[in-house]
Full PDB file with SEQRES, HELIX, SHEET, SSBOND, CRYST1, ORIGX, SCALE, CONECT and MASTER records, all heavy atoms in Angstrom:
SEQRES   1 A   42  ALA TYR GLU LEU THR PRO THR ALA GLU GLY CYS ARG VAL          
SEQRES   2 A   42  ARG GLU SER THR VAL ASP ARG ARG GLY ARG LEU LEU ARG          
SEQRES   3 A   42  TRP GLY THR TYR PRO ALA MET PRO ASP ARG ALA GLY ILE          
SEQRES   4 A   42  ASN ARG ARG                                                  
HELIX    1 AA1 ARG A   23  THR A   29  1                                   7    
HELIX    2 AA2 ARG A   36  ARG A   41  1                                   6    
SHEET    1 AA1 2 TYR A   2  PRO A   6  0                                        
SHEET    2 AA1 2 CYS A  11  GLU A  15 -1                                        
CRYST1    1.000    1.000    1.000  90.00  90.00  90.00 P 1           1          
ORIGX1      1.000000  0.000000  0.000000        0.00000                         
ORIGX2      0.000000  1.000000  0.000000        0.00000                         
ORIGX3      0.000000  0.000000  1.000000        0.00000                         
SCALE1      1.000000  0.000000  0.000000        0.00000                         
SCALE2      0.000000  1.000000  0.000000        0.00000                         
SCALE3      0.000000  0.000000  1.000000        0.00000                         
ATOM      1  N   ALA A   1       0.836  -1.198   0.000  1.00  0.00           N  
ATOM      2  CA  ALA A   1       0.000   0.000   0.000  1.00  0.00           C  
ATOM      3  C   ALA A   1       0.871   1.248   0.000  1.00  0.00           C  
ATOM      4  O   ALA A   1       1.964   1.266   0.579  1.00  0.00           O  
ATOM      5  CB  ALA A   1      -0.915   0.014   1.219  1.00  0.00           C  
ATOM      6  N   TYR A   2       0.370   2.268  -0.672  1.00  0.00           N  
ATOM      7  CA  TYR A   2       0.987   3.596  -0.704  1.00  0.00           C  
ATOM      8  C   TYR A   2      -0.075   4.586  -0.256  1.00  0.00           C  
ATOM      9  O   TYR A   2      -1.159   4.630  -0.841  1.00  0.00           O  
ATOM     10  CB  TYR A   2       1.460   3.948  -2.118  1.00  0.00           C  
ATOM     11  CG  TYR A   2       2.531   3.017  -2.619  1.00  0.00           C  
ATOM     12  CD1 TYR A   2       2.192   1.801  -3.211  1.00  0.00           C  
ATOM     13  CD2 TYR A   2       3.875   3.345  -2.488  1.00  0.00           C  
ATOM     14  CE1 TYR A   2       3.178   0.936  -3.660  1.00  0.00           C  
ATOM     15  CE2 TYR A   2       4.866   2.478  -2.945  1.00  0.00           C  
ATOM     16  CZ  TYR A   2       4.501   1.277  -3.526  1.00  0.00           C  
ATOM     17  OH  TYR A   2       5.477   0.417  -3.966  1.00  0.00           O  
ATOM     18  N   GLU A   3       0.220   5.346   0.779  1.00  0.00           N  
ATOM     19  CA  GLU A   3      -0.707   6.348   1.288  1.00  0.00           C  
ATOM     20  C   GLU A   3      -0.039   7.710   1.192  1.00  0.00           C  
ATOM     21  O   GLU A   3       1.123   7.868   1.586  1.00  0.00           O  
ATOM     22  CB  GLU A   3      -1.076   6.028   2.724  1.00  0.00           C  
ATOM     23  CG  GLU A   3      -1.800   4.698   2.860  1.00  0.00           C  
ATOM     24  CD  GLU A   3      -1.986   4.262   4.297  1.00  0.00           C  
ATOM     25  OE1 GLU A   3      -1.540   4.966   5.216  1.00  0.00           O  
ATOM     26  OE2 GLU A   3      -2.580   3.193   4.490  1.00  0.00           O  
ATOM     27  N   LEU A   4      -0.778   8.678   0.675  1.00  0.00           N  
ATOM     28  CA  LEU A   4      -0.261  10.035   0.513  1.00  0.00           C  
ATOM     29  C   LEU A   4      -1.039  10.969   1.429  1.00  0.00           C  
ATOM     30  O   LEU A   4      -2.276  10.964   1.408  1.00  0.00           O  
ATOM     31  CB  LEU A   4      -0.391  10.491  -0.937  1.00  0.00           C  
ATOM     32  CG  LEU A   4       0.495   9.726  -1.931  1.00  0.00           C  
ATOM     33  CD1 LEU A   4      -0.154   8.444  -2.381  1.00  0.00           C  
ATOM     34  CD2 LEU A   4       0.820  10.596  -3.111  1.00  0.00           C  
ATOM     35  N   THR A   5      -0.305  11.737   2.215  1.00  0.00           N  
ATOM     36  CA  THR A   5      -0.903  12.678   3.149  1.00  0.00           C  
ATOM     37  C   THR A   5      -0.367  14.066   2.847  1.00  0.00           C  
ATOM     38  O   THR A   5       0.859  14.252   2.797  1.00  0.00           O  
ATOM     39  CB  THR A   5      -0.537  12.295   4.603  1.00  0.00           C  
ATOM     40  OG1 THR A   5      -0.895  10.929   4.818  1.00  0.00           O  
ATOM     41  CG2 THR A   5      -1.246  13.193   5.598  1.00  0.00           C  
ATOM     42  N   PRO A   6      -1.235  15.045   2.650  1.00  0.00           N  
ATOM     43  CA  PRO A   6      -0.759  16.406   2.392  1.00  0.00           C  
ATOM     44  C   PRO A   6       0.063  16.953   3.561  1.00  0.00           C  
ATOM     45  O   PRO A   6      -0.229  16.673   4.725  1.00  0.00           O  
ATOM     46  CB  PRO A   6      -2.050  17.210   2.223  1.00  0.00           C  
ATOM     47  CG  PRO A   6      -3.094  16.207   1.876  1.00  0.00           C  
ATOM     48  CD  PRO A   6      -2.699  14.948   2.595  1.00  0.00           C  
ATOM     49  N   THR A   7       1.103  17.701   3.227  1.00  0.00           N  
ATOM     50  CA  THR A   7       1.911  18.418   4.215  1.00  0.00           C  
ATOM     51  C   THR A   7       1.995  19.874   3.751  1.00  0.00           C  
ATOM     52  O   THR A   7       1.581  20.194   2.633  1.00  0.00           O  
ATOM     53  CB  THR A   7       3.334  17.830   4.330  1.00  0.00           C  
ATOM     54  OG1 THR A   7       4.007  18.012   3.074  1.00  0.00           O  
ATOM     55  CG2 THR A   7       3.306  16.353   4.700  1.00  0.00           C  
ATOM     56  N   ALA A   8       2.560  20.715   4.588  1.00  0.00           N  
ATOM     57  CA  ALA A   8       2.694  22.135   4.221  1.00  0.00           C  
ATOM     58  C   ALA A   8       3.562  22.310   2.979  1.00  0.00           C  
ATOM     59  O   ALA A   8       3.352  23.232   2.189  1.00  0.00           O  
ATOM     60  CB  ALA A   8       3.270  22.925   5.386  1.00  0.00           C  
ATOM     61  N   GLU A   9       4.536  21.419   2.775  1.00  0.00           N  
ATOM     62  CA  GLU A   9       5.469  21.534   1.654  1.00  0.00           C  
ATOM     63  C   GLU A   9       5.120  20.649   0.464  1.00  0.00           C  
ATOM     64  O   GLU A   9       5.778  20.706  -0.561  1.00  0.00           O  
ATOM     65  CB  GLU A   9       6.894  21.196   2.111  1.00  0.00           C  
ATOM     66  CG  GLU A   9       7.473  22.141   3.148  1.00  0.00           C  
ATOM     67  CD  GLU A   9       6.957  21.859   4.556  1.00  0.00           C  
ATOM     68  OE1 GLU A   9       6.614  20.698   4.860  1.00  0.00           O  
ATOM     69  OE2 GLU A   9       6.872  22.814   5.353  1.00  0.00           O  
ATOM     70  N   GLY A  10       4.128  19.792   0.595  1.00  0.00           N  
ATOM     71  CA  GLY A  10       3.782  18.872  -0.491  1.00  0.00           C  
ATOM     72  C   GLY A  10       2.985  17.707   0.045  1.00  0.00           C  
ATOM     73  O   GLY A  10       1.816  17.832   0.370  1.00  0.00           O  
ATOM     74  N   CYS A  11       3.652  16.538   0.176  1.00  0.00           N  
ATOM     75  CA  CYS A  11       2.960  15.375   0.735  1.00  0.00           C  
ATOM     76  C   CYS A  11       3.965  14.418   1.371  1.00  0.00           C  
ATOM     77  O   CYS A  11       5.159  14.453   1.083  1.00  0.00           O  
ATOM     78  CB  CYS A  11       2.143  14.651  -0.335  1.00  0.00           C  
ATOM     79  SG  CYS A  11       3.106  13.803  -1.605  1.00  0.00           S  
ATOM     80  N   ARG A  12       3.454  13.586   2.223  1.00  0.00           N  
ATOM     81  CA  ARG A  12       4.228  12.485   2.798  1.00  0.00           C  
ATOM     82  C   ARG A  12       3.706  11.211   2.154  1.00  0.00           C  
ATOM     83  O   ARG A  12       2.496  10.972   2.108  1.00  0.00           O  
ATOM     84  CB  ARG A  12       4.051  12.428   4.309  1.00  0.00           C  
ATOM     85  CG  ARG A  12       4.748  11.206   4.922  1.00  0.00           C  
ATOM     86  CD  ARG A  12       4.875  11.325   6.415  1.00  0.00           C  
ATOM     87  NE  ARG A  12       5.744  12.462   6.694  1.00  0.00           N  
ATOM     88  CZ  ARG A  12       5.526  13.363   7.654  1.00  0.00           C  
ATOM     89  NH1 ARG A  12       4.479  13.255   8.435  1.00  0.00           N  
ATOM     90  NH2 ARG A  12       6.366  14.368   7.834  1.00  0.00           N  
ATOM     91  N   VAL A  13       4.627  10.395   1.660  1.00  0.00           N  
ATOM     92  CA  VAL A  13       4.261   9.109   1.058  1.00  0.00           C  
ATOM     93  C   VAL A  13       4.691   8.017   2.022  1.00  0.00           C  
ATOM     94  O   VAL A  13       5.851   7.962   2.434  1.00  0.00           O  
ATOM     95  CB  VAL A  13       4.950   8.903  -0.308  1.00  0.00           C  
ATOM     96  CG1 VAL A  13       4.560   7.543  -0.889  1.00  0.00           C  
ATOM     97  CG2 VAL A  13       4.607  10.030  -1.270  1.00  0.00           C  
ATOM     98  N   ARG A  14       3.749   7.158   2.351  1.00  0.00           N  
ATOM     99  CA  ARG A  14       4.022   6.007   3.217  1.00  0.00           C  
ATOM    100  C   ARG A  14       3.822   4.757   2.383  1.00  0.00           C  
ATOM    101  O   ARG A  14       2.754   4.550   1.802  1.00  0.00           O  
ATOM    102  CB  ARG A  14       3.062   5.999   4.398  1.00  0.00           C  
ATOM    103  CG  ARG A  14       3.275   4.833   5.353  1.00  0.00           C  
ATOM    104  CD  ARG A  14       2.282   4.937   6.523  1.00  0.00           C  
ATOM    105  NE  ARG A  14       2.602   3.979   7.555  1.00  0.00           N  
ATOM    106  CZ  ARG A  14       2.158   2.712   7.575  1.00  0.00           C  
ATOM    107  NH1 ARG A  14       1.373   2.272   6.601  1.00  0.00           N  
ATOM    108  NH2 ARG A  14       2.496   1.905   8.552  1.00  0.00           N  
ATOM    109  N   GLU A  15       4.859   3.943   2.311  1.00  0.00           N  
ATOM    110  CA  GLU A  15       4.786   2.653   1.614  1.00  0.00           C  
ATOM    111  C   GLU A  15       4.816   1.569   2.674  1.00  0.00           C  
ATOM    112  O   GLU A  15       5.634   1.622   3.606  1.00  0.00           O  
ATOM    113  CB  GLU A  15       5.976   2.484   0.669  1.00  0.00           C  
ATOM    114  CG  GLU A  15       5.977   1.156  -0.061  1.00  0.00           C  
ATOM    115  CD  GLU A  15       7.171   0.976  -0.992  1.00  0.00           C  
ATOM    116  OE1 GLU A  15       8.088   1.819  -0.983  1.00  0.00           O  
ATOM    117  OE2 GLU A  15       7.171  -0.020  -1.728  1.00  0.00           O  
ATOM    118  N   SER A  16       3.947   0.570   2.539  1.00  0.00           N  
ATOM    119  CA  SER A  16       3.911  -0.517   3.516  1.00  0.00           C  
ATOM    120  C   SER A  16       3.649  -1.845   2.828  1.00  0.00           C  
ATOM    121  O   SER A  16       3.101  -1.894   1.730  1.00  0.00           O  
ATOM    122  CB  SER A  16       2.831  -0.256   4.568  1.00  0.00           C  
ATOM    123  OG  SER A  16       1.554  -0.232   3.970  1.00  0.00           O  
ATOM    124  N   THR A  17       4.056  -2.893   3.509  1.00  0.00           N  
ATOM    125  CA  THR A  17       3.795  -4.243   3.018  1.00  0.00           C  
ATOM    126  C   THR A  17       3.530  -5.158   4.194  1.00  0.00           C  
ATOM    127  O   THR A  17       4.054  -4.966   5.293  1.00  0.00           O  
ATOM    128  CB  THR A  17       4.960  -4.782   2.164  1.00  0.00           C  
ATOM    129  OG1 THR A  17       4.571  -6.038   1.596  1.00  0.00           O  
ATOM    130  CG2 THR A  17       6.235  -4.962   2.965  1.00  0.00           C  
ATOM    131  N   VAL A  18       2.703  -6.155   3.940  1.00  0.00           N  
ATOM    132  CA  VAL A  18       2.449  -7.220   4.893  1.00  0.00           C  
ATOM    133  C   VAL A  18       2.702  -8.526   4.161  1.00  0.00           C  
ATOM    134  O   VAL A  18       2.137  -8.763   3.090  1.00  0.00           O  
ATOM    135  CB  VAL A  18       0.999  -7.170   5.436  1.00  0.00           C  
ATOM    136  CG1 VAL A  18       0.731  -8.358   6.352  1.00  0.00           C  
ATOM    137  CG2 VAL A  18       0.736  -5.856   6.152  1.00  0.00           C  
ATOM    138  N   ASP A  19       3.574  -9.337   4.712  1.00  0.00           N  
ATOM    139  CA  ASP A  19       3.912 -10.634   4.123  1.00  0.00           C  
ATOM    140  C   ASP A  19       2.748 -11.583   4.356  1.00  0.00           C  
ATOM    141  O   ASP A  19       2.336 -11.812   5.487  1.00  0.00           O  
ATOM    142  CB  ASP A  19       5.186 -11.166   4.793  1.00  0.00           C  
ATOM    143  CG  ASP A  19       5.751 -12.395   4.129  1.00  0.00           C  
ATOM    144  OD1 ASP A  19       5.037 -13.081   3.378  1.00  0.00           O  
ATOM    145  OD2 ASP A  19       6.941 -12.674   4.373  1.00  0.00           O  
ATOM    146  N   ARG A  20       2.190 -12.141   3.301  1.00  0.00           N  
ATOM    147  CA  ARG A  20       1.067 -13.070   3.395  1.00  0.00           C  
ATOM    148  C   ARG A  20       1.440 -14.486   2.966  1.00  0.00           C  
ATOM    149  O   ARG A  20       0.559 -15.332   2.775  1.00  0.00           O  
ATOM    150  CB  ARG A  20      -0.103 -12.566   2.538  1.00  0.00           C  
ATOM    151  CG  ARG A  20      -0.679 -11.246   2.997  1.00  0.00           C  
ATOM    152  CD  ARG A  20      -1.398 -11.419   4.305  1.00  0.00           C  
ATOM    153  NE  ARG A  20      -2.076 -10.183   4.675  1.00  0.00           N  
ATOM    154  CZ  ARG A  20      -2.271  -9.813   5.915  1.00  0.00           C  
ATOM    155  NH1 ARG A  20      -1.858 -10.565   6.909  1.00  0.00           N  
ATOM    156  NH2 ARG A  20      -2.889  -8.688   6.181  1.00  0.00           N  
ATOM    157  N   ARG A  21       2.754 -14.739   2.814  1.00  0.00           N  
ATOM    158  CA  ARG A  21       3.165 -16.081   2.401  1.00  0.00           C  
ATOM    159  C   ARG A  21       2.837 -17.094   3.496  1.00  0.00           C  
ATOM    160  O   ARG A  21       3.078 -16.855   4.666  1.00  0.00           O  
ATOM    161  CB  ARG A  21       4.677 -16.125   2.149  1.00  0.00           C  
ATOM    162  CG  ARG A  21       5.126 -15.314   0.958  1.00  0.00           C  
ATOM    163  CD  ARG A  21       6.630 -15.290   0.841  1.00  0.00           C  
ATOM    164  NE  ARG A  21       7.190 -14.715   2.065  1.00  0.00           N  
ATOM    165  CZ  ARG A  21       8.418 -14.967   2.517  1.00  0.00           C  
ATOM    166  NH1 ARG A  21       9.221 -15.772   1.859  1.00  0.00           N  
ATOM    167  NH2 ARG A  21       8.846 -14.415   3.628  1.00  0.00           N  
ATOM    168  N   GLY A  22       2.330 -18.210   3.075  1.00  0.00           N  
ATOM    169  CA  GLY A  22       2.098 -19.308   4.008  1.00  0.00           C  
ATOM    170  C   GLY A  22       3.407 -20.037   4.296  1.00  0.00           C  
ATOM    171  O   GLY A  22       4.456 -19.746   3.718  1.00  0.00           O  
ATOM    172  N   ARG A  23       3.328 -20.993   5.155  1.00  0.00           N  
ATOM    173  CA  ARG A  23       4.514 -21.742   5.594  1.00  0.00           C  
ATOM    174  C   ARG A  23       5.273 -22.374   4.419  1.00  0.00           C  
ATOM    175  O   ARG A  23       6.488 -22.296   4.345  1.00  0.00           O  
ATOM    176  CB  ARG A  23       4.091 -22.811   6.583  1.00  0.00           C  
ATOM    177  CG  ARG A  23       5.250 -23.506   7.242  1.00  0.00           C  
ATOM    178  CD  ARG A  23       4.763 -24.462   8.289  1.00  0.00           C  
ATOM    179  NE  ARG A  23       3.943 -23.708   9.232  1.00  0.00           N  
ATOM    180  CZ  ARG A  23       3.680 -24.088  10.459  1.00  0.00           C  
ATOM    181  NH1 ARG A  23       4.143 -25.212  10.897  1.00  0.00           N  
ATOM    182  NH2 ARG A  23       2.924 -23.369  11.236  1.00  0.00           N  
ATOM    183  N   LEU A  24       4.554 -22.978   3.488  1.00  0.00           N  
ATOM    184  CA  LEU A  24       5.194 -23.648   2.353  1.00  0.00           C  
ATOM    185  C   LEU A  24       5.978 -22.654   1.498  1.00  0.00           C  
ATOM    186  O   LEU A  24       7.134 -22.896   1.137  1.00  0.00           O  
ATOM    187  CB  LEU A  24       4.149 -24.376   1.502  1.00  0.00           C  
ATOM    188  CG  LEU A  24       4.680 -25.102   0.268  1.00  0.00           C  
ATOM    189  CD1 LEU A  24       5.643 -26.218   0.676  1.00  0.00           C  
ATOM    190  CD2 LEU A  24       3.524 -25.674  -0.534  1.00  0.00           C  
ATOM    191  N   LEU A  25       5.364 -21.525   1.172  1.00  0.00           N  
ATOM    192  CA  LEU A  25       6.043 -20.530   0.347  1.00  0.00           C  
ATOM    193  C   LEU A  25       7.211 -19.891   1.095  1.00  0.00           C  
ATOM    194  O   LEU A  25       8.275 -19.641   0.524  1.00  0.00           O  
ATOM    195  CB  LEU A  25       5.048 -19.465  -0.129  1.00  0.00           C  
ATOM    196  CG  LEU A  25       5.519 -18.547  -1.250  1.00  0.00           C  
ATOM    197  CD1 LEU A  25       6.016 -19.341  -2.459  1.00  0.00           C  
ATOM    198  CD2 LEU A  25       4.382 -17.617  -1.670  1.00  0.00           C  
ATOM    199  N   ARG A  26       7.054 -19.638   2.385  1.00  0.00           N  
ATOM    200  CA  ARG A  26       8.168 -19.102   3.181  1.00  0.00           C  
ATOM    201  C   ARG A  26       9.343 -20.076   3.170  1.00  0.00           C  
ATOM    202  O   ARG A  26      10.484 -19.686   2.993  1.00  0.00           O  
ATOM    203  CB  ARG A  26       7.734 -18.859   4.628  1.00  0.00           C  
ATOM    204  CG  ARG A  26       6.893 -17.647   4.823  1.00  0.00           C  
ATOM    205  CD  ARG A  26       6.505 -17.548   6.302  1.00  0.00           C  
ATOM    206  NE  ARG A  26       5.415 -16.649   6.492  1.00  0.00           N  
ATOM    207  CZ  ARG A  26       5.549 -15.391   6.884  1.00  0.00           C  
ATOM    208  NH1 ARG A  26       6.737 -14.923   7.143  1.00  0.00           N  
ATOM    209  NH2 ARG A  26       4.499 -14.630   7.027  1.00  0.00           N  
ATOM    210  N   TRP A  27       9.030 -21.355   3.369  1.00  0.00           N  
ATOM    211  CA  TRP A  27      10.071 -22.368   3.393  1.00  0.00           C  
ATOM    212  C   TRP A  27      10.765 -22.457   2.035  1.00  0.00           C  
ATOM    213  O   TRP A  27      11.980 -22.546   1.947  1.00  0.00           O  
ATOM    214  CB  TRP A  27       9.459 -23.721   3.785  1.00  0.00           C  
ATOM    215  CG  TRP A  27      10.462 -24.824   3.815  1.00  0.00           C  
ATOM    216  CD1 TRP A  27      11.330 -25.126   4.814  1.00  0.00           C  
ATOM    217  CD2 TRP A  27      10.717 -25.771   2.787  1.00  0.00           C  
ATOM    218  NE1 TRP A  27      12.103 -26.198   4.480  1.00  0.00           N  
ATOM    219  CE2 TRP A  27      11.746 -26.620   3.228  1.00  0.00           C  
ATOM    220  CE3 TRP A  27      10.168 -25.987   1.517  1.00  0.00           C  
ATOM    221  CZ2 TRP A  27      12.231 -27.662   2.454  1.00  0.00           C  
ATOM    222  CZ3 TRP A  27      10.669 -27.030   0.761  1.00  0.00           C  
ATOM    223  CH2 TRP A  27      11.680 -27.849   1.232  1.00  0.00           C  
ATOM    224  N   GLY A  28       9.982 -22.394   0.969  1.00  0.00           N  
ATOM    225  CA  GLY A  28      10.545 -22.516  -0.372  1.00  0.00           C  
ATOM    226  C   GLY A  28      11.416 -21.351  -0.793  1.00  0.00           C  
ATOM    227  O   GLY A  28      12.346 -21.517  -1.583  1.00  0.00           O  
ATOM    228  N   THR A  29      11.135 -20.164  -0.275  1.00  0.00           N  
ATOM    229  CA  THR A  29      11.931 -18.990  -0.666  1.00  0.00           C  
ATOM    230  C   THR A  29      13.046 -18.686   0.332  1.00  0.00           C  
ATOM    231  O   THR A  29      13.910 -17.861   0.044  1.00  0.00           O  
ATOM    232  CB  THR A  29      11.032 -17.745  -0.816  1.00  0.00           C  
ATOM    233  OG1 THR A  29      10.348 -17.500   0.415  1.00  0.00           O  
ATOM    234  CG2 THR A  29      10.035 -17.934  -1.946  1.00  0.00           C  
ATOM    235  N   TYR A  30      13.060 -19.360   1.476  1.00  0.00           N  
ATOM    236  CA  TYR A  30      14.041 -19.057   2.512  1.00  0.00           C  
ATOM    237  C   TYR A  30      15.496 -19.169   2.043  1.00  0.00           C  
ATOM    238  O   TYR A  30      16.298 -18.284   2.331  1.00  0.00           O  
ATOM    239  CB  TYR A  30      13.818 -19.933   3.750  1.00  0.00           C  
ATOM    240  CG  TYR A  30      14.770 -19.608   4.865  1.00  0.00           C  
ATOM    241  CD1 TYR A  30      14.500 -18.554   5.730  1.00  0.00           C  
ATOM    242  CD2 TYR A  30      15.954 -20.321   5.038  1.00  0.00           C  
ATOM    243  CE1 TYR A  30      15.374 -18.224   6.743  1.00  0.00           C  
ATOM    244  CE2 TYR A  30      16.839 -19.996   6.044  1.00  0.00           C  
ATOM    245  CZ  TYR A  30      16.549 -18.950   6.891  1.00  0.00           C  
ATOM    246  OH  TYR A  30      17.432 -18.618   7.888  1.00  0.00           O  
ATOM    247  N   PRO A  31      15.884 -20.228   1.310  1.00  0.00           N  
ATOM    248  CA  PRO A  31      17.293 -20.324   0.906  1.00  0.00           C  
ATOM    249  C   PRO A  31      17.782 -19.115   0.099  1.00  0.00           C  
ATOM    250  O   PRO A  31      18.914 -18.677   0.257  1.00  0.00           O  
ATOM    251  CB  PRO A  31      17.338 -21.605   0.061  1.00  0.00           C  
ATOM    252  CG  PRO A  31      16.194 -22.419   0.566  1.00  0.00           C  
ATOM    253  CD  PRO A  31      15.118 -21.412   0.903  1.00  0.00           C  
ATOM    254  N   ALA A  32      16.933 -18.575  -0.754  1.00  0.00           N  
ATOM    255  CA  ALA A  32      17.328 -17.441  -1.587  1.00  0.00           C  
ATOM    256  C   ALA A  32      17.151 -16.107  -0.865  1.00  0.00           C  
ATOM    257  O   ALA A  32      17.862 -15.144  -1.164  1.00  0.00           O  
ATOM    258  CB  ALA A  32      16.516 -17.436  -2.876  1.00  0.00           C  
ATOM    259  N   MET A  33      16.200 -16.046   0.069  1.00  0.00           N  
ATOM    260  CA  MET A  33      15.908 -14.794   0.775  1.00  0.00           C  
ATOM    261  C   MET A  33      15.633 -15.082   2.244  1.00  0.00           C  
ATOM    262  O   MET A  33      14.487 -14.986   2.702  1.00  0.00           O  
ATOM    263  CB  MET A  33      14.709 -14.090   0.144  1.00  0.00           C  
ATOM    264  CG  MET A  33      14.996 -13.523  -1.221  1.00  0.00           C  
ATOM    265  SD  MET A  33      13.628 -12.551  -1.864  1.00  0.00           S  
ATOM    266  CE  MET A  33      12.658 -13.816  -2.670  1.00  0.00           C  
ATOM    267  N   PRO A  34      16.664 -15.415   3.020  1.00  0.00           N  
ATOM    268  CA  PRO A  34      16.423 -15.752   4.430  1.00  0.00           C  
ATOM    269  C   PRO A  34      15.931 -14.560   5.258  1.00  0.00           C  
ATOM    270  O   PRO A  34      15.281 -14.756   6.273  1.00  0.00           O  
ATOM    271  CB  PRO A  34      17.774 -16.257   4.918  1.00  0.00           C  
ATOM    272  CG  PRO A  34      18.767 -15.717   3.954  1.00  0.00           C  
ATOM    273  CD  PRO A  34      18.053 -15.586   2.647  1.00  0.00           C  
ATOM    274  N   ASP A  35      16.224 -13.350   4.825  1.00  0.00           N  
ATOM    275  CA  ASP A  35      15.791 -12.155   5.560  1.00  0.00           C  
ATOM    276  C   ASP A  35      14.835 -11.333   4.707  1.00  0.00           C  
ATOM    277  O   ASP A  35      15.124 -10.206   4.329  1.00  0.00           O  
ATOM    278  CB  ASP A  35      17.010 -11.319   5.972  1.00  0.00           C  
ATOM    279  CG  ASP A  35      16.623 -10.090   6.778  1.00  0.00           C  
ATOM    280  OD1 ASP A  35      15.518 -10.063   7.358  1.00  0.00           O  
ATOM    281  OD2 ASP A  35      17.423  -9.132   6.807  1.00  0.00           O  
ATOM    282  N   ARG A  36      13.687 -11.917   4.386  1.00  0.00           N  
ATOM    283  CA  ARG A  36      12.735 -11.213   3.523  1.00  0.00           C  
ATOM    284  C   ARG A  36      12.287  -9.890   4.144  1.00  0.00           C  
ATOM    285  O   ARG A  36      12.130  -8.899   3.435  1.00  0.00           O  
ATOM    286  CB  ARG A  36      11.525 -12.103   3.234  1.00  0.00           C  
ATOM    287  CG  ARG A  36      10.570 -11.501   2.224  1.00  0.00           C  
ATOM    288  CD  ARG A  36      11.277 -11.303   0.888  1.00  0.00           C  
ATOM    289  NE  ARG A  36      10.431 -10.617  -0.055  1.00  0.00           N  
ATOM    290  CZ  ARG A  36      10.866  -9.988  -1.127  1.00  0.00           C  
ATOM    291  NH1 ARG A  36      12.153  -9.972  -1.415  1.00  0.00           N  
ATOM    292  NH2 ARG A  36      10.063  -9.385  -1.944  1.00  0.00           N  
ATOM    293  N   ALA A  37      12.094  -9.846   5.444  1.00  0.00           N  
ATOM    294  CA  ALA A  37      11.681  -8.604   6.104  1.00  0.00           C  
ATOM    295  C   ALA A  37      12.739  -7.514   5.915  1.00  0.00           C  
ATOM    296  O   ALA A  37      12.411  -6.374   5.587  1.00  0.00           O  
ATOM    297  CB  ALA A  37      11.414  -8.844   7.582  1.00  0.00           C  
ATOM    298  N   GLY A  38      13.996  -7.859   6.082  1.00  0.00           N  
ATOM    299  CA  GLY A  38      15.082  -6.891   5.888  1.00  0.00           C  
ATOM    300  C   GLY A  38      15.178  -6.434   4.438  1.00  0.00           C  
ATOM    301  O   GLY A  38      15.401  -5.248   4.162  1.00  0.00           O  
ATOM    302  N   ILE A  39      15.001  -7.371   3.513  1.00  0.00           N  
ATOM    303  CA  ILE A  39      15.014  -7.028   2.089  1.00  0.00           C  
ATOM    304  C   ILE A  39      13.882  -6.051   1.786  1.00  0.00           C  
ATOM    305  O   ILE A  39      14.082  -5.053   1.094  1.00  0.00           O  
ATOM    306  CB  ILE A  39      14.893  -8.306   1.226  1.00  0.00           C  
ATOM    307  CG1 ILE A  39      16.179  -9.125   1.312  1.00  0.00           C  
ATOM    308  CG2 ILE A  39      14.567  -7.964  -0.225  1.00  0.00           C  
ATOM    309  CD1 ILE A  39      16.066 -10.527   0.742  1.00  0.00           C  
ATOM    310  N   ASN A  40      12.691  -6.325   2.303  1.00  0.00           N  
ATOM    311  CA  ASN A  40      11.558  -5.427   2.065  1.00  0.00           C  
ATOM    312  C   ASN A  40      11.800  -4.057   2.698  1.00  0.00           C  
ATOM    313  O   ASN A  40      11.476  -3.036   2.091  1.00  0.00           O  
ATOM    314  CB  ASN A  40      10.261  -6.034   2.587  1.00  0.00           C  
ATOM    315  CG  ASN A  40       9.704  -7.094   1.661  1.00  0.00           C  
ATOM    316  OD1 ASN A  40      10.124  -7.221   0.519  1.00  0.00           O  
ATOM    317  ND2 ASN A  40       8.761  -7.861   2.156  1.00  0.00           N  
ATOM    318  N   ARG A  41      12.359  -4.015   3.889  1.00  0.00           N  
ATOM    319  CA  ARG A  41      12.629  -2.742   4.563  1.00  0.00           C  
ATOM    320  C   ARG A  41      13.590  -1.889   3.732  1.00  0.00           C  
ATOM    321  O   ARG A  41      13.335  -0.708   3.490  1.00  0.00           O  
ATOM    322  CB  ARG A  41      13.207  -3.016   5.952  1.00  0.00           C  
ATOM    323  CG  ARG A  41      13.249  -1.813   6.864  1.00  0.00           C  
ATOM    324  CD  ARG A  41      13.625  -2.197   8.292  1.00  0.00           C  
ATOM    325  NE  ARG A  41      12.535  -2.944   8.937  1.00  0.00           N  
ATOM    326  CZ  ARG A  41      12.558  -4.253   9.196  1.00  0.00           C  
ATOM    327  NH1 ARG A  41      13.610  -4.984   8.898  1.00  0.00           N  
ATOM    328  NH2 ARG A  41      11.541  -4.843   9.771  1.00  0.00           N  
ATOM    329  N   ARG A  42      14.668  -2.495   3.282  1.00  0.00           N  
ATOM    330  CA  ARG A  42      15.644  -1.760   2.450  1.00  0.00           C  
ATOM    331  C   ARG A  42      15.040  -1.386   1.098  1.00  0.00           C  
ATOM    332  O   ARG A  42      15.296  -0.298   0.575  1.00  0.00           O  
ATOM    333  CB  ARG A  42      16.915  -2.592   2.274  1.00  0.00           C  
ATOM    334  CG  ARG A  42      17.724  -2.716   3.574  1.00  0.00           C  
ATOM    335  CD  ARG A  42      19.030  -3.463   3.391  1.00  0.00           C  
ATOM    336  NE  ARG A  42      18.873  -4.839   2.951  1.00  0.00           N  
ATOM    337  CZ  ARG A  42      18.623  -5.874   3.768  1.00  0.00           C  
ATOM    338  NH1 ARG A  42      18.487  -5.679   5.061  1.00  0.00           N  
ATOM    339  NH2 ARG A  42      18.513  -7.094   3.279  1.00  0.00           N  
TER     340      ARG A  42                                                      
MASTER        0    0    0    2    2    0    0    6  339    1    0    4          
END                                                                             
């Protein structure tokens, strides 16, 4: 999600994500991306 809030100088953009992968998909992607939360944050 991207939320835009007006500010005095323009706007603030907030980007967010929620991981919805189930156990099987998390397990399957773990070897390639063990720190998915850190990857998403960066």
